[in-house]
């Protein structure tokens, strides 16, 4: 009886210590960068539309450690290109 109890106790201890929640909570460096970028984007109201779209991107499988982001202002997706085309003909 004592042997059986010890056997189940050892199994219970192994299960408890091997199934740690922290193992699943690790974020990739790209996900950490995403959070930092979203924090900075939230500070500028003119970038809210870009921030909403950027937030949808899944960086879980991205292997890079640094991200470079060029954000467009709200409603300005084609403004710069249109101005450049208008000025090229002069």
C-alpha atoms as a PDB file:
ATOM      1  CA  UNK A   1       0.000   0.000   0.000  1.00  0.00           C
ATOM      2  CA  UNK A   2       2.815   2.347   0.921  1.00  0.00           C
ATOM      3  CA  UNK A   3       4.587   1.610  -2.359  1.00  0.00           C
ATOM      4  CA  UNK A   4       1.471   2.347  -4.370  1.00  0.00           C
ATOM      5  CA  UNK A   5       0.974   5.636  -2.541  1.00  0.00           C
ATOM      6  CA  UNK A   6       4.586   6.696  -3.216  1.00  0.00           C
ATOM      7  CA  UNK A   7       4.247   5.729  -6.857  1.00  0.00           C
ATOM      8  CA  UNK A   8       1.175   7.951  -7.312  1.00  0.00           C
ATOM      9  CA  UNK A   9       2.792  10.746  -5.326  1.00  0.00           C
ATOM     10  CA  UNK A  10       5.859  10.739  -7.587  1.00  0.00           C
ATOM     11  CA  UNK A  11       3.674  10.761 -10.709  1.00  0.00           C
ATOM     12  CA  UNK A  12       1.589  13.645  -9.332  1.00  0.00           C
ATOM     13  CA  UNK A  13       4.690  15.683  -8.493  1.00  0.00           C
ATOM     14  CA  UNK A  14       6.171  15.107 -11.941  1.00  0.00           C
ATOM     15  CA  UNK A  15       2.949  16.155 -13.659  1.00  0.00           C
ATOM     16  CA  UNK A  16       2.654  19.315 -11.574  1.00  0.00           C
ATOM     17  CA  UNK A  17       6.218  20.463 -12.142  1.00  0.00           C
ATOM     18  CA  UNK A  18       6.475  19.584 -15.824  1.00  0.00           C
ATOM     19  CA  UNK A  19       3.284  21.351 -16.898  1.00  0.00           C
ATOM     20  CA  UNK A  20       4.214  24.921 -16.138  1.00  0.00           C
ATOM     21  CA  UNK A  21       2.131  27.766 -17.577  1.00  0.00           C
ATOM     22  CA  UNK A  22       5.241  29.930 -18.083  1.00  0.00           C
ATOM     23  CA  UNK A  23       6.421  27.630 -20.867  1.00  0.00           C
ATOM     24  CA  UNK A  24       3.457  28.638 -23.024  1.00  0.00           C
ATOM     25  CA  UNK A  25       3.642  32.364 -22.274  1.00  0.00           C
ATOM     26  CA  UNK A  26       7.019  33.036 -23.877  1.00  0.00           C
ATOM     27  CA  UNK A  27       6.769  35.619 -26.625  1.00  0.00           C
ATOM     28  CA  UNK A  28       9.047  35.822 -29.602  1.00  0.00           C
ATOM     29  CA  UNK A  29      11.235  38.927 -29.955  1.00  0.00           C
ATOM     30  CA  UNK A  30       9.011  40.012 -32.855  1.00  0.00           C
ATOM     31  CA  UNK A  31       5.912  39.852 -30.638  1.00  0.00           C
ATOM     32  CA  UNK A  32       7.644  41.972 -28.010  1.00  0.00           C
ATOM     33  CA  UNK A  33       8.589  44.495 -30.712  1.00  0.00           C
ATOM     34  CA  UNK A  34       4.983  44.501 -31.924  1.00  0.00           C
ATOM     35  CA  UNK A  35       3.776  45.481 -28.453  1.00  0.00           C
ATOM     36  CA  UNK A  36       6.317  48.308 -28.268  1.00  0.00           C
ATOM     37  CA  UNK A  37       5.339  49.563 -31.727  1.00  0.00           C
ATOM     38  CA  UNK A  38       1.621  49.445 -30.890  1.00  0.00           C
ATOM     39  CA  UNK A  39       2.293  51.447 -27.729  1.00  0.00           C
ATOM     40  CA  UNK A  40       4.059  54.126 -29.757  1.00  0.00           C
ATOM     41  CA  UNK A  41       1.371  54.127 -32.463  1.00  0.00           C
ATOM     42  CA  UNK A  42      -1.314  54.644 -29.822  1.00  0.00           C
ATOM     43  CA  UNK A  43       0.342  57.934 -28.848  1.00  0.00           C
ATOM     44  CA  UNK A  44      -0.436  59.455 -32.272  1.00  0.00           C
ATOM     45  CA  UNK A  45      -4.126  59.729 -33.163  1.00  0.00           C
ATOM     46  CA  UNK A  46      -3.257  60.260 -36.857  1.00  0.00           C
ATOM     47  CA  UNK A  47      -1.978  56.675 -37.010  1.00  0.00           C
ATOM     48  CA  UNK A  48      -5.015  54.941 -35.488  1.00  0.00           C
ATOM     49  CA  UNK A  49      -6.127  53.247 -38.724  1.00  0.00           C
ATOM     50  CA  UNK A  50      -2.636  51.907 -39.361  1.00  0.00           C
ATOM     51  CA  UNK A  51      -2.367  50.726 -35.743  1.00  0.00           C
ATOM     52  CA  UNK A  52      -5.660  48.835 -36.043  1.00  0.00           C
ATOM     53  CA  UNK A  53      -4.422  46.991 -39.148  1.00  0.00           C
ATOM     54  CA  UNK A  54      -0.936  46.429 -37.705  1.00  0.00           C
ATOM     55  CA  UNK A  55      -2.460  44.851 -34.595  1.00  0.00           C
ATOM     56  CA  UNK A  56      -4.076  42.125 -36.736  1.00  0.00           C
ATOM     57  CA  UNK A  57      -0.700  40.821 -37.968  1.00  0.00           C
ATOM     58  CA  UNK A  58       0.453  37.586 -36.304  1.00  0.00           C
ATOM     59  CA  UNK A  59       4.136  37.674 -35.367  1.00  0.00           C
ATOM     60  CA  UNK A  60       4.186  34.339 -33.505  1.00  0.00           C
ATOM     61  CA  UNK A  61       6.278  32.572 -36.162  1.00  0.00           C
ATOM     62  CA  UNK A  62       8.478  35.507 -37.218  1.00  0.00           C
ATOM     63  CA  UNK A  63      12.117  34.760 -36.461  1.00  0.00           C
ATOM     64  CA  UNK A  64      13.539  38.291 -36.619  1.00  0.00           C
ATOM     65  CA  UNK A  65      14.426  40.261 -33.490  1.00  0.00           C
ATOM     66  CA  UNK A  66      13.920  43.793 -34.843  1.00  0.00           C
ATOM     67  CA  UNK A  67      11.144  45.312 -36.916  1.00  0.00           C
ATOM     68  CA  UNK A  68      11.103  48.478 -38.993  1.00  0.00           C
ATOM     69  CA  UNK A  69       7.696  50.041 -39.571  1.00  0.00           C
ATOM     70  CA  UNK A  70       6.713  52.835 -41.941  1.00  0.00           C
ATOM     71  CA  UNK A  71       3.250  53.996 -40.894  1.00  0.00           C
ATOM     72  CA  UNK A  72       0.744  55.894 -43.012  1.00  0.00           C
ATOM     73  CA  UNK A  73      -1.443  58.602 -41.526  1.00  0.00           C
ATOM     74  CA  UNK A  74      -5.197  58.148 -41.469  1.00  0.00           C
ATOM     75  CA  UNK A  75      -6.677  58.649 -44.931  1.00  0.00           C
ATOM     76  CA  UNK A  76      -3.257  59.280 -46.468  1.00  0.00           C
ATOM     77  CA  UNK A  77      -2.665  56.026 -48.291  1.00  0.00           C
ATOM     78  CA  UNK A  78      -2.387  57.558 -51.749  1.00  0.00           C
ATOM     79  CA  UNK A  79      -1.746  61.240 -50.994  1.00  0.00           C
ATOM     80  CA  UNK A  80       2.055  61.136 -51.153  1.00  0.00           C
ATOM     81  CA  UNK A  81       2.066  59.139 -54.387  1.00  0.00           C
ATOM     82  CA  UNK A  82      -0.450  61.507 -55.988  1.00  0.00           C
ATOM     83  CA  UNK A  83       1.583  64.589 -55.022  1.00  0.00           C
ATOM     84  CA  UNK A  84       4.766  62.990 -56.378  1.00  0.00           C
ATOM     85  CA  UNK A  85       3.063  62.218 -59.679  1.00  0.00           C
ATOM     86  CA  UNK A  86       1.667  65.770 -59.921  1.00  0.00           C
ATOM     87  CA  UNK A  87       5.067  67.351 -59.278  1.00  0.00           C
ATOM     88  CA  UNK A  88       6.965  65.121 -61.722  1.00  0.00           C
ATOM     89  CA  UNK A  89       5.286  66.667 -64.754  1.00  0.00           C
ATOM     90  CA  UNK A  90       6.358  70.242 -63.953  1.00  0.00           C
END
